[in-house]
Amino acid sequence: MSVASPSVSNMSSNDVFAALDALDTAYRALDDLQLHELRPTDLRALVVRLEEMDKHVGAFQRRLIRRLVSAPPPAEFAGASWAQVLARRLRISVGEAQRRIVEAGGPPQAMSA
C-alpha cells in the first residue's frame, strides 16, 4: 500500500526539509559502506542506480530553480540578477548559474556584473 504524497495545498517547507534530511541520511549511510567485497556486476548495478538517483535530484533542482526565478530576486541582493544571486549563494560562476537557469527553463538573465 503506498502512502499518498502531500498535495501542494497542504505541503509545507517542513515536508520538503524532512525529505531532504532523509536523503542526506541515506547518502551518509552509503558513504559508510564498504565496497571492496562487492562483485563487478553489483558495482555496475550500483552505478546505474546512482545515475538514476542523480537524474531525480537534477530534475528536482531544475524545478526548484524554475520556481525560484519566476519571482523577483530578493531585495537584500540590491538589484542583482538571479544568475548573480545563485552564483553567490552556490559559490559558482555567474555563467554556470545562468546555464542552470536556462536548463531549468527559467527566463534568461542578464549576466552583467
PDB file of N, CA and C in Angstrom:
ATOM      1  N   MET A   1       0.849  -1.168   0.000  1.00  0.00           N
ATOM      2  CA  MET A   1       0.000   0.000   0.000  1.00  0.00           C
ATOM      3  C   MET A   1       0.895   1.231   0.000  1.00  0.00           C
ATOM      4  N   SER A   2       0.665   2.152  -0.913  1.00  0.00           N
ATOM      5  CA  SER A   2       1.501   3.339  -0.970  1.00  0.00           C
ATOM      6  C   SER A   2       0.847   4.471  -0.202  1.00  0.00           C
ATOM      7  N   VAL A   3       1.700   5.329   0.321  1.00  0.00           N
ATOM      8  CA  VAL A   3       1.225   6.490   1.057  1.00  0.00           C
ATOM      9  C   VAL A   3       1.144   7.648   0.088  1.00  0.00           C
ATOM     10  N   ALA A   4       0.038   8.353   0.095  1.00  0.00           N
ATOM     11  CA  ALA A   4      -0.133   9.493  -0.805  1.00  0.00           C
ATOM     12  C   ALA A   4       0.815  10.602  -0.396  1.00  0.00           C
ATOM     13  N   SER A   5       1.451  11.215  -1.385  1.00  0.00           N
ATOM     14  CA  SER A   5       2.324  12.337  -1.079  1.00  0.00           C
ATOM     15  C   SER A   5       1.469  13.555  -0.793  1.00  0.00           C
ATOM     16  N   PRO A   6       2.018  14.490   0.008  1.00  0.00           N
ATOM     17  CA  PRO A   6       1.215  15.656   0.351  1.00  0.00           C
ATOM     18  C   PRO A   6       0.890  16.474  -0.885  1.00  0.00           C
ATOM     19  N   SER A   7      -0.329  16.993  -0.930  1.00  0.00           N
ATOM     20  CA  SER A   7      -0.702  17.840  -2.059  1.00  0.00           C
ATOM     21  C   SER A   7      -0.041  19.193  -1.899  1.00  0.00           C
ATOM     22  N   VAL A   8      -0.001  19.930  -2.991  1.00  0.00           N
ATOM     23  CA  VAL A   8       0.618  21.243  -2.962  1.00  0.00           C
ATOM     24  C   VAL A   8      -0.052  22.125  -1.917  1.00  0.00           C
ATOM     25  N   SER A   9      -1.352  21.987  -1.770  1.00  0.00           N
ATOM     26  CA  SER A   9      -2.078  22.864  -0.853  1.00  0.00           C
ATOM     27  C   SER A   9      -1.730  22.622   0.610  1.00  0.00           C
ATOM     28  N   ASN A  10      -1.326  21.408   0.981  1.00  0.00           N
ATOM     29  CA  ASN A  10      -1.019  21.176   2.389  1.00  0.00           C
ATOM     30  C   ASN A  10       0.451  20.848   2.632  1.00  0.00           C
ATOM     31  N   MET A  11       1.282  20.984   1.610  1.00  0.00           N
ATOM     32  CA  MET A  11       2.702  20.731   1.773  1.00  0.00           C
ATOM     33  C   MET A  11       3.348  21.954   2.413  1.00  0.00           C
ATOM     34  N   SER A  12       4.283  21.731   3.298  1.00  0.00           N
ATOM     35  CA  SER A  12       4.988  22.828   3.938  1.00  0.00           C
ATOM     36  C   SER A  12       6.478  22.675   3.688  1.00  0.00           C
ATOM     37  N   SER A  13       7.212  23.717   4.014  1.00  0.00           N
ATOM     38  CA  SER A  13       8.661  23.625   3.882  1.00  0.00           C
ATOM     39  C   SER A  13       9.197  22.537   4.799  1.00  0.00           C
ATOM     40  N   ASN A  14       8.496  22.254   5.908  1.00  0.00           N
ATOM     41  CA  ASN A  14       8.923  21.173   6.794  1.00  0.00           C
ATOM     42  C   ASN A  14       8.911  19.835   6.071  1.00  0.00           C
ATOM     43  N   ASP A  15       7.911  19.601   5.215  1.00  0.00           N
ATOM     44  CA  ASP A  15       7.837  18.355   4.450  1.00  0.00           C
ATOM     45  C   ASP A  15       9.040  18.225   3.525  1.00  0.00           C
ATOM     46  N   VAL A  16       9.369  19.316   2.860  1.00  0.00           N
ATOM     47  CA  VAL A  16      10.491  19.300   1.919  1.00  0.00           C
ATOM     48  C   VAL A  16      11.799  19.076   2.666  1.00  0.00           C
ATOM     49  N   PHE A  17      12.003  19.802   3.765  1.00  0.00           N
ATOM     50  CA  PHE A  17      13.242  19.642   4.520  1.00  0.00           C
ATOM     51  C   PHE A  17      13.337  18.266   5.167  1.00  0.00           C
ATOM     52  N   ALA A  18      12.219  17.693   5.578  1.00  0.00           N
ATOM     53  CA  ALA A  18      12.231  16.333   6.131  1.00  0.00           C
ATOM     54  C   ALA A  18      12.655  15.331   5.062  1.00  0.00           C
ATOM     55  N   ALA A  19      12.160  15.510   3.846  1.00  0.00           N
ATOM     56  CA  ALA A  19      12.559  14.621   2.747  1.00  0.00           C
ATOM     57  C   ALA A  19      14.044  14.786   2.445  1.00  0.00           C
ATOM     58  N   LEU A  20      14.540  16.023   2.450  1.00  0.00           N
ATOM     59  CA  LEU A  20      15.968  16.252   2.210  1.00  0.00           C
ATOM     60  C   LEU A  20      16.818  15.674   3.337  1.00  0.00           C
ATOM     61  N   ASP A  21      16.346  15.775   4.578  1.00  0.00           N
ATOM     62  CA  ASP A  21      17.067  15.173   5.703  1.00  0.00           C
ATOM     63  C   ASP A  21      17.166  13.663   5.536  1.00  0.00           C
ATOM     64  N   ALA A  22      16.082  13.038   5.088  1.00  0.00           N
ATOM     65  CA  ALA A  22      16.099  11.589   4.859  1.00  0.00           C
ATOM     66  C   ALA A  22      17.082  11.234   3.749  1.00  0.00           C
ATOM     67  N   LEU A  23      17.106  12.043   2.699  1.00  0.00           N
ATOM     68  CA  LEU A  23      18.043  11.816   1.601  1.00  0.00           C
ATOM     69  C   LEU A  23      19.481  11.979   2.079  1.00  0.00           C
ATOM     70  N   ASP A  24      19.729  13.001   2.886  1.00  0.00           N
ATOM     71  CA  ASP A  24      21.063  13.226   3.437  1.00  0.00           C
ATOM     72  C   ASP A  24      21.501  12.041   4.297  1.00  0.00           C
ATOM     73  N   THR A  25      20.589  11.530   5.113  1.00  0.00           N
ATOM     74  CA  THR A  25      20.884  10.363   5.944  1.00  0.00           C
ATOM     75  C   THR A  25      21.227   9.153   5.077  1.00  0.00           C
ATOM     76  N   ALA A  26      20.485   8.967   4.002  1.00  0.00           N
ATOM     77  CA  ALA A  26      20.751   7.842   3.095  1.00  0.00           C
ATOM     78  C   ALA A  26      22.115   7.991   2.429  1.00  0.00           C
ATOM     79  N   TYR A  27      22.453   9.209   1.991  1.00  0.00           N
ATOM     80  CA  TYR A  27      23.764   9.429   1.371  1.00  0.00           C
ATOM     81  C   TYR A  27      24.892   9.164   2.369  1.00  0.00           C
ATOM     82  N   ARG A  28      24.707   9.577   3.614  1.00  0.00           N
ATOM     83  CA  ARG A  28      25.734   9.323   4.635  1.00  0.00           C
ATOM     84  C   ARG A  28      25.886   7.823   4.887  1.00  0.00           C
ATOM     85  N   ALA A  29      24.775   7.101   4.880  1.00  0.00           N
ATOM     86  CA  ALA A  29      24.838   5.647   5.058  1.00  0.00           C
ATOM     87  C   ALA A  29      25.599   5.009   3.903  1.00  0.00           C
ATOM     88  N   LEU A  30      25.369   5.495   2.684  1.00  0.00           N
ATOM     89  CA  LEU A  30      26.108   4.980   1.529  1.00  0.00           C
ATOM     90  C   LEU A  30      27.600   5.250   1.667  1.00  0.00           C
ATOM     91  N   ASP A  31      27.943   6.443   2.151  1.00  0.00           N
ATOM     92  CA  ASP A  31      29.355   6.791   2.334  1.00  0.00           C
ATOM     93  C   ASP A  31      30.063   5.837   3.287  1.00  0.00           C
ATOM     94  N   ASP A  32      29.335   5.312   4.262  1.00  0.00           N
ATOM     95  CA  ASP A  32      29.931   4.441   5.275  1.00  0.00           C
ATOM     96  C   ASP A  32      30.075   2.988   4.829  1.00  0.00           C
ATOM     97  N   LEU A  33      29.486   2.628   3.706  1.00  0.00           N
ATOM     98  CA  LEU A  33      29.527   1.235   3.257  1.00  0.00           C
ATOM     99  C   LEU A  33      30.870   0.883   2.629  1.00  0.00           C
ATOM    100  N   GLN A  34      31.282  -0.359   2.855  1.00  0.00           N
ATOM    101  CA  GLN A  34      32.495  -0.882   2.231  1.00  0.00           C
ATOM    102  C   GLN A  34      32.123  -1.495   0.886  1.00  0.00           C
ATOM    103  N   LEU A  35      32.861  -1.171  -0.141  1.00  0.00           N
ATOM    104  CA  LEU A  35      32.546  -1.667  -1.479  1.00  0.00           C
ATOM    105  C   LEU A  35      33.499  -2.765  -1.955  1.00  0.00           C
ATOM    106  N   HIS A  36      34.564  -2.992  -1.224  1.00  0.00           N
ATOM    107  CA  HIS A  36      35.605  -3.903  -1.713  1.00  0.00           C
ATOM    108  C   HIS A  36      35.139  -5.352  -1.868  1.00  0.00           C
ATOM    109  N   GLU A  37      34.090  -5.760  -1.193  1.00  0.00           N
ATOM    110  CA  GLU A  37      33.625  -7.145  -1.304  1.00  0.00           C
ATOM    111  C   GLU A  37      32.542  -7.336  -2.360  1.00  0.00           C
ATOM    112  N   LEU A  38      32.104  -6.266  -2.982  1.00  0.00           N
ATOM    113  CA  LEU A  38      31.050  -6.382  -3.992  1.00  0.00           C
ATOM    114  C   LEU A  38      31.607  -6.913  -5.304  1.00  0.00           C
ATOM    115  N   ARG A  39      30.789  -7.690  -5.982  1.00  0.00           N
ATOM    116  CA  ARG A  39      31.171  -8.232  -7.289  1.00  0.00           C
ATOM    117  C   ARG A  39      31.056  -7.134  -8.344  1.00  0.00           C
ATOM    118  N   PRO A  40      31.767  -7.277  -9.453  1.00  0.00           N
ATOM    119  CA  PRO A  40      31.671  -6.284 -10.531  1.00  0.00           C
ATOM    120  C   PRO A  40      30.236  -6.071 -11.020  1.00  0.00           C
ATOM    121  N   THR A  41      29.430  -7.130 -11.066  1.00  0.00           N
ATOM    122  CA  THR A  41      28.037  -6.949 -11.507  1.00  0.00           C
ATOM    123  C   THR A  41      27.252  -6.086 -10.519  1.00  0.00           C
ATOM    124  N   ASP A  42      27.543  -6.263  -9.228  1.00  0.00           N
ATOM    125  CA  ASP A  42      26.893  -5.430  -8.213  1.00  0.00           C
ATOM    126  C   ASP A  42      27.336  -3.975  -8.353  1.00  0.00           C
ATOM    127  N   LEU A  43      28.625  -3.770  -8.585  1.00  0.00           N
ATOM    128  CA  LEU A  43      29.151  -2.411  -8.745  1.00  0.00           C
ATOM    129  C   LEU A  43      28.507  -1.713  -9.938  1.00  0.00           C
ATOM    130  N   ARG A  44      28.364  -2.437 -11.036  1.00  0.00           N
ATOM    131  CA  ARG A  44      27.724  -1.849 -12.222  1.00  0.00           C
ATOM    132  C   ARG A  44      26.265  -1.502 -11.933  1.00  0.00           C
ATOM    133  N   ALA A  45      25.579  -2.381 -11.225  1.00  0.00           N
ATOM    134  CA  ALA A  45      24.180  -2.113 -10.879  1.00  0.00           C
ATOM    135  C   ALA A  45      24.068  -0.884  -9.971  1.00  0.00           C
ATOM    136  N   LEU A  46      25.013  -0.733  -9.061  1.00  0.00           N
ATOM    137  CA  LEU A  46      25.008   0.441  -8.186  1.00  0.00           C
ATOM    138  C   LEU A  46      25.243   1.725  -8.974  1.00  0.00           C
ATOM    139  N   VAL A  47      26.152   1.674  -9.927  1.00  0.00           N
ATOM    140  CA  VAL A  47      26.410   2.854 -10.762  1.00  0.00           C
ATOM    141  C   VAL A  47      25.143   3.260 -11.504  1.00  0.00           C
ATOM    142  N   VAL A  48      24.426   2.280 -12.037  1.00  0.00           N
ATOM    143  CA  VAL A  48      23.184   2.567 -12.766  1.00  0.00           C
ATOM    144  C   VAL A  48      22.146   3.181 -11.823  1.00  0.00           C
ATOM    145  N   ARG A  49      21.993   2.612 -10.635  1.00  0.00           N
ATOM    146  CA  ARG A  49      21.008   3.154  -9.687  1.00  0.00           C
ATOM    147  C   ARG A  49      21.367   4.556  -9.240  1.00  0.00           C
ATOM    148  N   LEU A  50      22.655   4.791  -8.989  1.00  0.00           N
ATOM    149  CA  LEU A  50      23.063   6.138  -8.587  1.00  0.00           C
ATOM    150  C   LEU A  50      22.850   7.138  -9.711  1.00  0.00           C
ATOM    151  N   GLU A  51      23.058   6.713 -10.944  1.00  0.00           N
ATOM    152  CA  GLU A  51      22.805   7.596 -12.089  1.00  0.00           C
ATOM    153  C   GLU A  51      21.328   7.985 -12.139  1.00  0.00           C
ATOM    154  N   GLU A  52      20.451   7.030 -11.903  1.00  0.00           N
ATOM    155  CA  GLU A  52      19.017   7.324 -11.877  1.00  0.00           C
ATOM    156  C   GLU A  52      18.674   8.284 -10.740  1.00  0.00           C
ATOM    157  N   MET A  53      19.289   8.070  -9.586  1.00  0.00           N
ATOM    158  CA  MET A  53      19.044   8.968  -8.459  1.00  0.00           C
ATOM    159  C   MET A  53      19.532  10.377  -8.775  1.00  0.00           C
ATOM    160  N   ASP A  54      20.702  10.481  -9.412  1.00  0.00           N
ATOM    161  CA  ASP A  54      21.221  11.793  -9.810  1.00  0.00           C
ATOM    162  C   ASP A  54      20.252  12.497 -10.750  1.00  0.00           C
ATOM    163  N   LYS A  55      19.641  11.745 -11.648  1.00  0.00           N
ATOM    164  CA  LYS A  55      18.670  12.342 -12.572  1.00  0.00           C
ATOM    165  C   LYS A  55      17.471  12.896 -11.816  1.00  0.00           C
ATOM    166  N   HIS A  56      17.015  12.168 -10.796  1.00  0.00           N
ATOM    167  CA  HIS A  56      15.886  12.648  -9.993  1.00  0.00           C
ATOM    168  C   HIS A  56      16.261  13.919  -9.228  1.00  0.00           C
ATOM    169  N   VAL A  57      17.445  13.926  -8.638  1.00  0.00           N
ATOM    170  CA  VAL A  57      17.894  15.110  -7.901  1.00  0.00           C
ATOM    171  C   VAL A  57      18.039  16.293  -8.854  1.00  0.00           C
ATOM    172  N   GLY A  58      18.611  16.049 -10.033  1.00  0.00           N
ATOM    173  CA  GLY A  58      18.754  17.114 -11.023  1.00  0.00           C
ATOM    174  C   GLY A  58      17.415  17.668 -11.469  1.00  0.00           C
ATOM    175  N   ALA A  59      16.449  16.793 -11.681  1.00  0.00           N
ATOM    176  CA  ALA A  59      15.112  17.238 -12.087  1.00  0.00           C
ATOM    177  C   ALA A  59      14.463  18.069 -10.985  1.00  0.00           C
ATOM    178  N   PHE A  60      14.645  17.651  -9.743  1.00  0.00           N
ATOM    179  CA  PHE A  60      14.092  18.421  -8.626  1.00  0.00           C
ATOM    180  C   PHE A  60      14.764  19.788  -8.546  1.00  0.00           C
ATOM    181  N   GLN A  61      16.075  19.815  -8.714  1.00  0.00           N
ATOM    182  CA  GLN A  61      16.790  21.090  -8.653  1.00  0.00           C
ATOM    183  C   GLN A  61      16.336  22.025  -9.778  1.00  0.00           C
ATOM    184  N   ARG A  62      16.113  21.493 -10.961  1.00  0.00           N
ATOM    185  CA  ARG A  62      15.620  22.330 -12.061  1.00  0.00           C
ATOM    186  C   ARG A  62      14.232  22.887 -11.745  1.00  0.00           C
ATOM    187  N   ARG A  63      13.357  22.064 -11.188  1.00  0.00           N
ATOM    188  CA  ARG A  63      12.028  22.548 -10.783  1.00  0.00           C
ATOM    189  C   ARG A  63      12.149  23.651  -9.746  1.00  0.00           C
ATOM    190  N   LEU A  64      13.034  23.445  -8.791  1.00  0.00           N
ATOM    191  CA  LEU A  64      13.244  24.415  -7.726  1.00  0.00           C
ATOM    192  C   LEU A  64      13.767  25.739  -8.283  1.00  0.00           C
ATOM    193  N   ILE A  65      14.763  25.669  -9.151  1.00  0.00           N
ATOM    194  CA  ILE A  65      15.314  26.888  -9.748  1.00  0.00           C
ATOM    195  C   ILE A  65      14.267  27.583 -10.600  1.00  0.00           C
ATOM    196  N   ARG A  66      13.529  26.825 -11.391  1.00  0.00           N
ATOM    197  CA  ARG A  66      12.480  27.416 -12.233  1.00  0.00           C
ATOM    198  C   ARG A  66      11.467  28.172 -11.370  1.00  0.00           C
ATOM    199  N   ARG A  67      11.060  27.580 -10.262  1.00  0.00           N
ATOM    200  CA  ARG A  67      10.113  28.233  -9.348  1.00  0.00           C
ATOM    201  C   ARG A  67      10.745  29.466  -8.713  1.00  0.00           C
ATOM    202  N   LEU A  68      11.993  29.338  -8.299  1.00  0.00           N
ATOM    203  CA  LEU A  68      12.696  30.435  -7.638  1.00  0.00           C
ATOM    204  C   LEU A  68      12.810  31.658  -8.539  1.00  0.00           C
ATOM    205  N   VAL A  69      13.241  31.444  -9.780  1.00  0.00           N
ATOM    206  CA  VAL A  69      13.492  32.585 -10.671  1.00  0.00           C
ATOM    207  C   VAL A  69      12.219  33.141 -11.298  1.00  0.00           C
ATOM    208  N   SER A  70      11.083  32.547 -10.991  1.00  0.00           N
ATOM    209  CA  SER A  70       9.829  33.096 -11.513  1.00  0.00           C
ATOM    210  C   SER A  70       9.399  34.339 -10.733  1.00  0.00           C
ATOM    211  N   ALA A  71      10.043  34.595  -9.612  1.00  0.00           N
ATOM    212  CA  ALA A  71       9.756  35.775  -8.794  1.00  0.00           C
ATOM    213  C   ALA A  71      10.941  36.736  -8.878  1.00  0.00           C
ATOM    214  N   PRO A  72      10.747  37.986  -8.503  1.00  0.00           N
ATOM    215  CA  PRO A  72      11.877  38.924  -8.498  1.00  0.00           C
ATOM    216  C   PRO A  72      12.932  38.493  -7.481  1.00  0.00           C
ATOM    217  N   PRO A  73      14.207  38.800  -7.743  1.00  0.00           N
ATOM    218  CA  PRO A  73      15.245  38.483  -6.752  1.00  0.00           C
ATOM    219  C   PRO A  73      14.960  39.215  -5.437  1.00  0.00           C
ATOM    220  N   PRO A  74      15.409  38.654  -4.314  1.00  0.00           N
ATOM    221  CA  PRO A  74      15.159  39.289  -3.027  1.00  0.00           C
ATOM    222  C   PRO A  74      15.814  40.671  -2.941  1.00  0.00           C
ATOM    223  N   ALA A  75      15.175  41.575  -2.223  1.00  0.00           N
ATOM    224  CA  ALA A  75      15.659  42.954  -2.103  1.00  0.00           C
ATOM    225  C   ALA A  75      17.057  43.032  -1.501  1.00  0.00           C
ATOM    226  N   GLU A  76      17.412  42.091  -0.638  1.00  0.00           N
ATOM    227  CA  GLU A  76      18.727  42.161   0.018  1.00  0.00           C
ATOM    228  C   GLU A  76      19.891  41.983  -0.957  1.00  0.00           C
ATOM    229  N   PHE A  77      19.599  41.600  -2.197  1.00  0.00           N
ATOM    230  CA  PHE A  77      20.664  41.466  -3.195  1.00  0.00           C
ATOM    231  C   PHE A  77      20.771  42.701  -4.082  1.00  0.00           C
ATOM    232  N   ALA A  78      20.132  43.772  -3.703  1.00  0.00           N
ATOM    233  CA  ALA A  78      20.294  45.103  -4.301  1.00  0.00           C
ATOM    234  C   ALA A  78      20.266  45.108  -5.822  1.00  0.00           C
ATOM    235  N   GLY A  79      19.218  44.543  -6.387  1.00  0.00           N
ATOM    236  CA  GLY A  79      19.056  44.613  -7.832  1.00  0.00           C
ATOM    237  C   GLY A  79      19.867  43.610  -8.627  1.00  0.00           C
ATOM    238  N   ALA A  80      20.506  42.655  -7.972  1.00  0.00           N
ATOM    239  CA  ALA A  80      21.280  41.634  -8.679  1.00  0.00           C
ATOM    240  C   ALA A  80      20.330  40.719  -9.448  1.00  0.00           C
ATOM    241  N   SER A  81      20.811  40.169 -10.548  1.00  0.00           N
ATOM    242  CA  SER A  81      20.015  39.204 -11.311  1.00  0.00           C
ATOM    243  C   SER A  81      19.988  37.879 -10.559  1.00  0.00           C
ATOM    244  N   TRP A  82      19.056  37.012 -10.947  1.00  0.00           N
ATOM    245  CA  TRP A  82      19.017  35.684 -10.326  1.00  0.00           C
ATOM    246  C   TRP A  82      20.313  34.925 -10.577  1.00  0.00           C
ATOM    247  N   ALA A  83      20.910  35.095 -11.741  1.00  0.00           N
ATOM    248  CA  ALA A  83      22.188  34.423 -12.012  1.00  0.00           C
ATOM    249  C   ALA A  83      23.243  34.880 -11.010  1.00  0.00           C
ATOM    250  N   GLN A  84      23.266  36.163 -10.717  1.00  0.00           N
ATOM    251  CA  GLN A  84      24.227  36.678  -9.739  1.00  0.00           C
ATOM    252  C   GLN A  84      23.907  36.175  -8.330  1.00  0.00           C
ATOM    253  N   VAL A  85      22.629  36.141  -7.985  1.00  0.00           N
ATOM    254  CA  VAL A  85      22.218  35.651  -6.665  1.00  0.00           C
ATOM    255  C   VAL A  85      22.617  34.188  -6.498  1.00  0.00           C
ATOM    256  N   LEU A  86      22.278  33.357  -7.483  1.00  0.00           N
ATOM    257  CA  LEU A  86      22.630  31.932  -7.392  1.00  0.00           C
ATOM    258  C   LEU A  86      24.140  31.732  -7.367  1.00  0.00           C
ATOM    259  N   ALA A  87      24.860  32.515  -8.160  1.00  0.00           N
ATOM    260  CA  ALA A  87      26.323  32.403  -8.172  1.00  0.00           C
ATOM    261  C   ALA A  87      26.885  32.662  -6.778  1.00  0.00           C
ATOM    262  N   ARG A  88      26.390  33.679  -6.119  1.00  0.00           N
ATOM    263  CA  ARG A  88      26.867  33.989  -4.759  1.00  0.00           C
ATOM    264  C   ARG A  88      26.489  32.896  -3.774  1.00  0.00           C
ATOM    265  N   ARG A  89      25.228  32.477  -3.807  1.00  0.00           N
ATOM    266  CA  ARG A  89      24.745  31.513  -2.816  1.00  0.00           C
ATOM    267  C   ARG A  89      25.347  30.120  -3.001  1.00  0.00           C
ATOM    268  N   LEU A  90      25.549  29.719  -4.258  1.00  0.00           N
ATOM    269  CA  LEU A  90      26.059  28.373  -4.544  1.00  0.00           C
ATOM    270  C   LEU A  90      27.568  28.341  -4.741  1.00  0.00           C
ATOM    271  N   ARG A  91      28.179  29.527  -4.735  1.00  0.00           N
ATOM    272  CA  ARG A  91      29.628  29.647  -4.953  1.00  0.00           C
ATOM    273  C   ARG A  91      30.036  29.036  -6.290  1.00  0.00           C
ATOM    274  N   ILE A  92      29.305  29.460  -7.315  1.00  0.00           N
ATOM    275  CA  ILE A  92      29.599  29.051  -8.685  1.00  0.00           C
ATOM    276  C   ILE A  92      29.735  30.316  -9.519  1.00  0.00           C
ATOM    277  N   SER A  93      30.186  30.174 -10.744  1.00  0.00           N
ATOM    278  CA  SER A  93      30.305  31.345 -11.612  1.00  0.00           C
ATOM    279  C   SER A  93      28.919  31.818 -12.047  1.00  0.00           C
ATOM    280  N   VAL A  94      28.854  33.083 -12.439  1.00  0.00           N
ATOM    281  CA  VAL A  94      27.600  33.626 -12.956  1.00  0.00           C
ATOM    282  C   VAL A  94      27.200  32.866 -14.217  1.00  0.00           C
ATOM    283  N   GLY A  95      28.187  32.517 -15.043  1.00  0.00           N
ATOM    284  CA  GLY A  95      27.899  31.749 -16.256  1.00  0.00           C
ATOM    285  C   GLY A  95      27.279  30.395 -15.951  1.00  0.00           C
ATOM    286  N   GLU A  96      27.808  29.707 -14.937  1.00  0.00           N
ATOM    287  CA  GLU A  96      27.241  28.412 -14.538  1.00  0.00           C
ATOM    288  C   GLU A  96      25.835  28.601 -13.976  1.00  0.00           C
ATOM    289  N   ALA A  97      25.642  29.647 -13.195  1.00  0.00           N
ATOM    290  CA  ALA A  97      24.306  29.927 -12.660  1.00  0.00           C
ATOM    291  C   ALA A  97      23.328  30.196 -13.798  1.00  0.00           C
ATOM    292  N   GLN A  98      23.760  30.962 -14.783  1.00  0.00           N
ATOM    293  CA  GLN A  98      22.908  31.254 -15.939  1.00  0.00           C
ATOM    294  C   GLN A  98      22.573  29.972 -16.696  1.00  0.00           C
ATOM    295  N   ARG A  99      23.561  29.093 -16.854  1.00  0.00           N
ATOM    296  CA  ARG A  99      23.329  27.823 -17.541  1.00  0.00           C
ATOM    297  C   ARG A  99      22.265  27.016 -16.809  1.00  0.00           C
ATOM    298  N   ARG A 100      22.339  26.988 -15.485  1.00  0.00           N
ATOM    299  CA  ARG A 100      21.363  26.241 -14.692  1.00  0.00           C
ATOM    300  C   ARG A 100      19.967  26.844 -14.821  1.00  0.00           C
ATOM    301  N   ILE A 101      19.882  28.164 -14.865  1.00  0.00           N
ATOM    302  CA  ILE A 101      18.583  28.826 -15.020  1.00  0.00           C
ATOM    303  C   ILE A 101      17.983  28.477 -16.374  1.00  0.00           C
ATOM    304  N   VAL A 102      18.800  28.553 -17.412  1.00  0.00           N
ATOM    305  CA  VAL A 102      18.321  28.225 -18.762  1.00  0.00           C
ATOM    306  C   VAL A 102      17.911  26.757 -18.821  1.00  0.00           C
ATOM    307  N   GLU A 103      18.738  25.873 -18.259  1.00  0.00           N
ATOM    308  CA  GLU A 103      18.427  24.440 -18.249  1.00  0.00           C
ATOM    309  C   GLU A 103      17.125  24.162 -17.500  1.00  0.00           C
ATOM    310  N   ALA A 104      16.855  24.964 -16.477  1.00  0.00           N
ATOM    311  CA  ALA A 104      15.633  24.788 -15.689  1.00  0.00           C
ATOM    312  C   ALA A 104      14.405  25.334 -16.403  1.00  0.00           C
ATOM    313  N   GLY A 105      14.633  26.031 -17.508  1.00  0.00           N
ATOM    314  CA  GLY A 105      13.503  26.602 -18.231  1.00  0.00           C
ATOM    315  C   GLY A 105      13.067  27.939 -17.684  1.00  0.00           C
ATOM    316  N   GLY A 106      13.944  28.562 -16.896  1.00  0.00           N
ATOM    317  CA  GLY A 106      13.634  29.878 -16.359  1.00  0.00           C
ATOM    318  C   GLY A 106      13.931  30.957 -17.377  1.00  0.00           C
ATOM    319  N   PRO A 107      13.547  32.177 -17.075  1.00  0.00           N
ATOM    320  CA  PRO A 107      13.789  33.272 -18.012  1.00  0.00           C
ATOM    321  C   PRO A 107      15.275  33.583 -18.124  1.00  0.00           C
ATOM    322  N   PRO A 108      15.756  33.974 -19.310  1.00  0.00           N
ATOM    323  CA  PRO A 108      17.160  34.370 -19.451  1.00  0.00           C
ATOM    324  C   PRO A 108      17.464  35.535 -18.521  1.00  0.00           C
ATOM    325  N   GLN A 109      18.666  35.543 -17.984  1.00  0.00           N
ATOM    326  CA  GLN A 109      19.082  36.579 -17.047  1.00  0.00           C
ATOM    327  C   GLN A 109      20.239  37.373 -17.636  1.00  0.00           C
ATOM    328  N   ALA A 110      20.267  38.660 -17.351  1.00  0.00           N
ATOM    329  CA  ALA A 110      21.417  39.477 -17.746  1.00  0.00           C
ATOM    330  C   ALA A 110      22.621  39.011 -16.945  1.00  0.00           C
ATOM    331  N   MET A 111      23.775  38.963 -17.583  1.00  0.00           N
ATOM    332  CA  MET A 111      24.966  38.458 -16.907  1.00  0.00           C
ATOM    333  C   MET A 111      25.925  39.572 -16.528  1.00  0.00           C
ATOM    334  N   SER A 112      25.480  40.808 -16.487  1.00  0.00           N
ATOM    335  CA  SER A 112      26.370  41.901 -16.126  1.00  0.00           C
ATOM    336  C   SER A 112      26.761  41.784 -14.665  1.00  0.00           C
ATOM    337  N   ALA A 113      27.984  42.181 -14.372  1.00  0.00           N
ATOM    338  CA  ALA A 113      28.479  42.098 -13.004  1.00  0.00           C
ATOM    339  C   ALA A 113      28.155  43.358 -12.331  1.00  0.00           C
TER     340      ALA A 113
END
